[in-house]
C-alpha cells in the first residue's frame, strides 16, 4: 500500500512540475528585409561531392571515391589536381608525374603531366600536375575520353576521363 501511495504522489508532483506556466517560449525575431546570400552553395551530387572541383574543373573518380582528379583545360595547357574523397581538399602525393591516355578521332595517345607543386605542398610532394602540351589541351577540349593513371601511397589508381553530355553549361 505504501508503494502505491508513493507512486501516486510521485506522479502528481511530476504532472504539476510540467505545467504550462513553467514553459518559456521566445518569439522569433522577424527579418526587416530580404535575406541576402553572399555566394551560392556548391552544387552537390547524390554521391556527396561537388559537381566540379575547387578550380571549376571536371572531376575524375579514383578508387571508388578514395580520391579525385580535377581536370583543367582550355587555356592551351592542362592542369590536374589530386583531391581527397570529398573532392574539396588538395592531396599532395610523392608521384613525379601523372600519365594520361586519350582517344580522339580514332587515335590513341599517352601524355605525361610532370609534378608542379603548389606553395602549400610538402617538400617532395605535389597536388598539381601540369603540361603545356597544346595537343593534349585540344584533345580534351574536343571531348576526348580516356584514363589517368597515378600512384598514391603505394597504390595505383586509374580514373576514367569522360565528359558529361547532360549538363546545362
Protein backbone atom coordinates (compact mmCIF):
# COMPACT_ATOMS: atom_id res chain seq x y z
CA UNK A 1 0.00 0.00 0.00
CA UNK A 2 2.81 2.39 0.89
CA UNK A 3 4.42 1.75 -2.53
CA UNK A 4 1.18 2.59 -4.37
CA UNK A 5 0.74 5.80 -2.36
CA UNK A 6 4.36 6.80 -3.06
CA UNK A 7 3.95 6.14 -6.81
CA UNK A 8 0.73 8.17 -6.90
CA UNK A 9 2.38 11.08 -5.05
CA UNK A 10 5.38 10.99 -7.40
CA UNK A 11 3.09 11.03 -10.45
CA UNK A 12 1.20 14.07 -9.11
CA UNK A 13 4.40 16.03 -8.49
CA UNK A 14 5.67 15.11 -11.96
CA UNK A 15 2.48 16.35 -13.62
CA UNK A 16 2.41 19.55 -11.57
CA UNK A 17 6.09 20.22 -12.28
CA UNK A 18 5.45 20.22 -16.04
CA UNK A 19 2.65 22.74 -16.10
CA UNK A 20 2.35 25.18 -18.97
CA UNK A 21 3.27 28.08 -16.67
CA UNK A 22 6.85 26.80 -16.44
CA UNK A 23 7.39 26.62 -20.21
CA UNK A 24 9.05 29.70 -21.66
CA UNK A 25 8.53 30.43 -25.30
CA UNK A 26 10.58 33.08 -27.04
CA UNK A 27 9.22 34.68 -30.14
CA UNK A 28 11.41 34.58 -33.22
CA UNK A 29 12.55 37.95 -34.42
CA UNK A 30 11.27 38.81 -37.85
CA UNK A 31 13.68 39.91 -40.55
CA UNK A 32 13.31 43.53 -41.51
CA UNK A 33 14.25 42.95 -45.14
CA UNK A 34 15.14 40.32 -47.70
CA UNK A 35 17.76 37.73 -46.81
CA UNK A 36 21.00 38.25 -48.74
CA UNK A 37 23.37 35.43 -49.67
CA UNK A 38 26.96 36.33 -50.49
CA UNK A 39 27.57 33.31 -52.70
CA UNK A 40 25.76 30.25 -53.92
CA UNK A 41 26.48 26.99 -52.07
CA UNK A 42 28.43 24.45 -54.13
CA UNK A 43 26.29 22.08 -56.15
CA UNK A 44 26.42 18.65 -54.55
CA UNK A 45 25.75 15.48 -56.50
CA UNK A 46 23.99 12.49 -54.97
CA UNK A 47 27.31 10.78 -54.19
CA UNK A 48 28.26 13.51 -51.73
CA UNK A 49 30.92 15.51 -53.53
CA UNK A 50 30.69 18.74 -55.51
CA UNK A 51 29.75 18.68 -59.17
CA UNK A 52 33.03 20.45 -60.05
CA UNK A 53 36.41 20.71 -58.34
CA UNK A 54 37.62 23.74 -56.33
CA UNK A 55 39.05 25.30 -59.52
CA UNK A 56 35.84 24.72 -61.50
CA UNK A 57 37.18 21.71 -63.42
CA UNK A 58 35.71 18.33 -64.27
CA UNK A 59 36.14 15.59 -61.65
CA UNK A 60 37.57 12.12 -62.26
CA UNK A 61 36.91 9.49 -59.57
CA UNK A 62 39.80 7.37 -58.31
CA UNK A 63 39.29 4.15 -56.36
CA UNK A 64 35.57 4.29 -55.54
CA UNK A 65 35.71 7.86 -54.20
CA UNK A 66 39.02 7.38 -52.35
CA UNK A 67 40.49 10.31 -54.30
CA UNK A 68 39.59 12.54 -57.24
CA UNK A 69 41.46 14.29 -60.04
CA UNK A 70 40.24 17.71 -61.11
CA UNK A 71 40.96 18.31 -64.81
CA UNK A 72 41.51 21.87 -66.03
CA UNK A 73 41.95 22.58 -69.75
CA UNK A 74 41.06 25.09 -72.44
CA UNK A 75 43.90 27.55 -71.93
CA UNK A 76 46.48 25.93 -74.22
CA UNK A 77 47.71 23.89 -71.26
CA UNK A 78 46.36 21.18 -68.96
CA UNK A 79 46.48 21.02 -65.16
CA UNK A 80 45.30 18.17 -62.97
CA UNK A 81 44.80 18.48 -59.22
CA UNK A 82 44.77 15.49 -56.85
CA UNK A 83 41.90 15.88 -54.37
CA UNK A 84 40.59 13.94 -51.40
CA UNK A 85 37.50 11.70 -51.38
CA UNK A 86 35.18 14.69 -50.90
CA UNK A 87 36.79 16.41 -53.94
CA UNK A 88 37.30 19.59 -51.93
CA UNK A 89 40.83 19.43 -50.47
CA UNK A 90 44.18 19.00 -52.26
CA UNK A 91 46.23 15.88 -51.56
CA UNK A 92 49.97 16.20 -52.15
CA UNK A 93 51.46 12.92 -53.34
CA UNK A 94 55.01 11.68 -53.97
CA UNK A 95 54.46 10.96 -57.69
CA UNK A 96 56.68 12.87 -60.10
CA UNK A 97 54.13 12.64 -62.94
CA UNK A 98 50.63 11.59 -63.99
CA UNK A 99 50.09 9.54 -67.13
CA UNK A 100 47.02 10.24 -69.26
CA UNK A 101 45.86 8.13 -72.20
CA UNK A 102 43.31 9.72 -74.51
CA UNK A 103 41.32 8.56 -77.52
CA UNK A 104 40.22 11.13 -80.09
CA UNK A 105 39.10 10.68 -83.72
CA UNK A 106 40.18 7.04 -83.68
CA UNK A 107 43.69 7.87 -82.42
CA UNK A 108 45.07 6.88 -79.02
CA UNK A 109 47.93 8.77 -77.41
CA UNK A 110 49.56 8.94 -73.97
CA UNK A 111 50.59 12.19 -72.32
CA UNK A 112 52.61 12.85 -69.19
CA UNK A 113 51.97 15.71 -66.78
CA UNK A 114 55.00 16.41 -64.57
CA UNK A 115 54.56 17.44 -60.94
CA UNK A 116 54.01 21.18 -60.49
CA UNK A 117 53.82 21.61 -56.69
CA UNK A 118 51.61 24.27 -55.16
CA UNK A 119 53.03 26.56 -52.45
CA UNK A 120 51.28 24.63 -49.65
CA UNK A 121 52.52 21.18 -50.81
CA UNK A 122 55.10 19.47 -48.59
CA UNK A 123 58.64 19.20 -49.91
CA UNK A 124 58.99 16.35 -52.40
CA UNK A 125 55.21 16.10 -52.93
CA UNK A 126 52.75 17.68 -55.34
CA UNK A 127 48.97 18.04 -55.55
CA UNK A 128 49.16 19.67 -59.01
CA UNK A 129 50.44 18.22 -62.26
CA UNK A 130 50.64 20.38 -65.39
CA UNK A 131 51.64 20.30 -69.03
CA UNK A 132 51.83 22.97 -71.70
CA UNK A 133 51.13 20.31 -74.36
CA UNK A 134 48.73 22.12 -76.69
CA UNK A 135 47.72 18.88 -78.42
CA UNK A 136 46.53 17.37 -75.12
CA UNK A 137 44.58 20.54 -74.36
CA UNK A 138 42.97 20.44 -77.82
CA UNK A 139 42.01 16.78 -77.42
CA UNK A 140 40.38 17.46 -74.05
CA UNK A 141 38.58 20.48 -75.49
CA UNK A 142 37.28 18.21 -78.28
CA UNK A 143 35.92 15.89 -75.55
CA UNK A 144 38.47 13.11 -75.98
CA UNK A 145 37.95 10.31 -73.49
CA UNK A 146 40.46 8.10 -71.76
CA UNK A 147 42.10 7.43 -68.43
CA UNK A 148 44.52 8.96 -65.94
CA UNK A 149 46.89 6.67 -64.04
CA UNK A 150 48.53 7.76 -60.77
CA UNK A 151 50.35 6.20 -57.82
CA UNK A 152 49.06 7.35 -54.40
CA UNK A 153 50.52 5.98 -51.17
CA UNK A 154 52.00 2.97 -52.99
CA UNK A 155 48.77 2.05 -54.74
CA UNK A 156 47.98 2.51 -58.44
CA UNK A 157 44.72 4.26 -59.32
CA UNK A 158 43.09 4.60 -62.72
CA UNK A 159 40.35 7.17 -63.31
CA UNK A 160 38.08 7.35 -66.34
CA UNK A 161 38.12 10.66 -68.19
CA UNK A 162 34.74 11.26 -69.79
CA UNK A 163 32.66 14.31 -70.43
CA UNK A 164 29.20 14.95 -69.01
CA UNK A 165 26.99 15.42 -72.03
CA UNK A 166 23.90 16.13 -69.92
CA UNK A 167 24.98 19.36 -68.24
CA UNK A 168 23.39 22.72 -68.91
CA UNK A 169 26.62 24.80 -69.02
